[in-house]
Amino acid sequence: MEDRDRRIIDVLITLQSGEVTTYGDIADTAGYPKHSRLVGRILQTTDIDVPWWRVVNAAGRLVPGHEREQTELLLEEDVVIRNGHVNSAPYGRFSEV
């Protein structure tokens, strides 16, 4: 596994119940700003158990094709979902406002 992949996974596994953040915030925190697509690729391909459901796009949109499962998992953590989007801003501890 490449060092950058490991650093991104290390950030992902620190997400706690009820925290929601963006692909971009994960990339920034891991030291790879503007690499949000890399975060998405890692989430799609890793065999490491990471809380993928706690990551949304910059607009708060849920993962296309996995909206139902992601909604169920986030609702269990008391995250509010409306019309396929997380209904809060900022999205977790990595966002800056």
C-alpha atoms as a PDB file:
ATOM      1  CA  MET A   1       0.000   0.000   0.000  1.00  0.00           C
ATOM      2  CA  GLU A   2       1.295   3.440  -0.904  1.00  0.00           C
ATOM      3  CA  ASP A   3       2.047   5.939   1.851  1.00  0.00           C
ATOM      4  CA  ARG A   4      -0.628   8.362   0.598  1.00  0.00           C
ATOM      5  CA  ASP A   5      -3.271   5.613   0.682  1.00  0.00           C
ATOM      6  CA  ARG A   6      -2.248   4.685   4.222  1.00  0.00           C
ATOM      7  CA  ARG A   7      -2.427   8.334   5.346  1.00  0.00           C
ATOM      8  CA  ILE A   8      -5.931   8.713   3.910  1.00  0.00           C
ATOM      9  CA  ILE A   9      -7.101   5.471   5.515  1.00  0.00           C
ATOM     10  CA  ASP A  10      -5.617   6.617   8.830  1.00  0.00           C
ATOM     11  CA  VAL A  11      -7.780   9.754   8.654  1.00  0.00           C
ATOM     12  CA  LEU A  12     -10.877   7.776   7.645  1.00  0.00           C
ATOM     13  CA  ILE A  13     -10.645   5.363  10.564  1.00  0.00           C
ATOM     14  CA  THR A  14     -10.624   8.251  13.062  1.00  0.00           C
ATOM     15  CA  LEU A  15     -14.159   9.343  12.075  1.00  0.00           C
ATOM     16  CA  GLN A  16     -16.497   8.858  15.007  1.00  0.00           C
ATOM     17  CA  SER A  17     -20.187   8.050  15.147  1.00  0.00           C
ATOM     18  CA  GLY A  18     -22.274  11.002  13.944  1.00  0.00           C
ATOM     19  CA  GLU A  19     -19.347  12.754  12.264  1.00  0.00           C
ATOM     20  CA  VAL A  20     -19.786  13.487   8.590  1.00  0.00           C
ATOM     21  CA  THR A  21     -17.090  15.040   6.434  1.00  0.00           C
ATOM     22  CA  THR A  22     -16.258  15.494   2.769  1.00  0.00           C
ATOM     23  CA  TYR A  23     -13.873  13.727   0.426  1.00  0.00           C
ATOM     24  CA  GLY A  24     -11.958  17.006   0.127  1.00  0.00           C
ATOM     25  CA  ASP A  25     -11.637  17.461   3.872  1.00  0.00           C
ATOM     26  CA  ILE A  26     -10.272  13.927   4.226  1.00  0.00           C
ATOM     27  CA  ALA A  27      -7.722  14.620   1.476  1.00  0.00           C
ATOM     28  CA  ASP A  28      -6.695  17.932   3.066  1.00  0.00           C
ATOM     29  CA  THR A  29      -6.311  16.413   6.516  1.00  0.00           C
ATOM     30  CA  ALA A  30      -4.201  13.567   5.111  1.00  0.00           C
ATOM     31  CA  GLY A  31      -1.894  16.101   3.443  1.00  0.00           C
ATOM     32  CA  TYR A  32      -3.179  15.753  -0.109  1.00  0.00           C
ATOM     33  CA  PRO A  33      -5.275  18.838  -0.835  1.00  0.00           C
ATOM     34  CA  LYS A  34      -7.273  18.718  -4.063  1.00  0.00           C
ATOM     35  CA  HIS A  35      -7.135  14.906  -4.131  1.00  0.00           C
ATOM     36  CA  SER A  36     -10.758  14.236  -3.204  1.00  0.00           C
ATOM     37  CA  ARG A  37     -11.113  11.761  -6.075  1.00  0.00           C
ATOM     38  CA  LEU A  38      -8.266   9.742  -4.603  1.00  0.00           C
ATOM     39  CA  VAL A  39     -10.256   9.471  -1.381  1.00  0.00           C
ATOM     40  CA  GLY A  40     -13.224   8.163  -3.377  1.00  0.00           C
ATOM     41  CA  ARG A  41     -11.037   5.627  -5.162  1.00  0.00           C
ATOM     42  CA  ILE A  42      -9.591   4.396  -1.885  1.00  0.00           C
ATOM     43  CA  LEU A  43     -13.072   4.063  -0.385  1.00  0.00           C
ATOM     44  CA  GLN A  44     -14.153   1.996  -3.401  1.00  0.00           C
ATOM     45  CA  THR A  45     -11.160  -0.320  -3.458  1.00  0.00           C
ATOM     46  CA  THR A  46      -9.849  -0.806   0.077  1.00  0.00           C
ATOM     47  CA  ASP A  47     -10.445  -4.045   1.916  1.00  0.00           C
ATOM     48  CA  ILE A  48      -9.823  -2.234   5.210  1.00  0.00           C
ATOM     49  CA  ASP A  49     -12.970  -1.601   7.230  1.00  0.00           C
ATOM     50  CA  VAL A  50     -13.468   2.189   7.095  1.00  0.00           C
ATOM     51  CA  PRO A  51     -16.636   4.182   7.878  1.00  0.00           C
ATOM     52  CA  TRP A  52     -17.358   5.100   4.240  1.00  0.00           C
ATOM     53  CA  TRP A  53     -20.910   6.207   5.079  1.00  0.00           C
ATOM     54  CA  ARG A  54     -19.542   9.200   7.007  1.00  0.00           C
ATOM     55  CA  VAL A  55     -18.093  10.754   3.840  1.00  0.00           C
ATOM     56  CA  VAL A  56     -20.145  12.911   1.454  1.00  0.00           C
ATOM     57  CA  ASN A  57     -19.344  15.219  -1.446  1.00  0.00           C
ATOM     58  CA  ALA A  58     -18.769  18.961  -1.015  1.00  0.00           C
ATOM     59  CA  ALA A  59     -22.514  19.658  -1.348  1.00  0.00           C
ATOM     60  CA  GLY A  60     -23.375  17.069   1.312  1.00  0.00           C
ATOM     61  CA  ARG A  61     -24.701  14.584  -1.251  1.00  0.00           C
ATOM     62  CA  LEU A  62     -24.714  10.900  -0.406  1.00  0.00           C
ATOM     63  CA  VAL A  63     -22.797   8.275  -2.406  1.00  0.00           C
ATOM     64  CA  PRO A  64     -24.649   7.631  -5.691  1.00  0.00           C
ATOM     65  CA  GLY A  65     -25.933   4.076  -5.857  1.00  0.00           C
ATOM     66  CA  HIS A  66     -25.568   3.608  -2.109  1.00  0.00           C
ATOM     67  CA  GLU A  67     -27.956   6.281  -0.860  1.00  0.00           C
ATOM     68  CA  ARG A  68     -30.327   3.875   0.890  1.00  0.00           C
ATOM     69  CA  GLU A  69     -27.599   2.047   2.814  1.00  0.00           C
ATOM     70  CA  GLN A  70     -25.736   5.257   3.620  1.00  0.00           C
ATOM     71  CA  THR A  71     -28.951   6.918   4.820  1.00  0.00           C
ATOM     72  CA  GLU A  72     -29.744   3.994   7.122  1.00  0.00           C
ATOM     73  CA  LEU A  73     -26.242   3.992   8.619  1.00  0.00           C
ATOM     74  CA  LEU A  74     -26.229   7.759   9.162  1.00  0.00           C
ATOM     75  CA  LEU A  75     -29.726   7.781  10.655  1.00  0.00           C
ATOM     76  CA  GLU A  76     -28.523   5.208  13.198  1.00  0.00           C
ATOM     77  CA  GLU A  77     -25.940   7.840  14.200  1.00  0.00           C
ATOM     78  CA  ASP A  78     -28.590  10.594  14.476  1.00  0.00           C
ATOM     79  CA  VAL A  79     -27.425  12.422  11.335  1.00  0.00           C
ATOM     80  CA  VAL A  80     -30.256  14.269   9.574  1.00  0.00           C
ATOM     81  CA  ILE A  81     -30.728  13.415   5.881  1.00  0.00           C
ATOM     82  CA  ARG A  82     -33.027  15.346   3.539  1.00  0.00           C
ATOM     83  CA  ASN A  83     -33.457  14.765  -0.187  1.00  0.00           C
ATOM     84  CA  GLY A  84     -30.276  12.692  -0.469  1.00  0.00           C
ATOM     85  CA  HIS A  85     -28.110  15.224   1.368  1.00  0.00           C
ATOM     86  CA  VAL A  86     -26.729  15.545   4.860  1.00  0.00           C
ATOM     87  CA  ASN A  87     -28.699  18.368   6.406  1.00  0.00           C
ATOM     88  CA  SER A  88     -25.942  20.177   8.263  1.00  0.00           C
ATOM     89  CA  ALA A  89     -22.915  22.325   7.680  1.00  0.00           C
ATOM     90  CA  PRO A  90     -20.116  22.054   8.298  1.00  0.00           C
ATOM     91  CA  TYR A  91     -19.866  18.307   7.800  1.00  0.00           C
ATOM     92  CA  GLY A  92     -17.794  17.146  10.735  1.00  0.00           C
ATOM     93  CA  ARG A  93     -14.612  18.069  12.472  1.00  0.00           C
ATOM     94  CA  PHE A  94     -12.460  18.490   9.377  1.00  0.00           C
ATOM     95  CA  SER A  95     -14.534  21.286   7.839  1.00  0.00           C
ATOM     96  CA  GLU A  96     -13.543  24.874   8.370  1.00  0.00           C
ATOM     97  CA  VAL A  97     -16.154  27.605   8.700  1.00  0.00           C
END
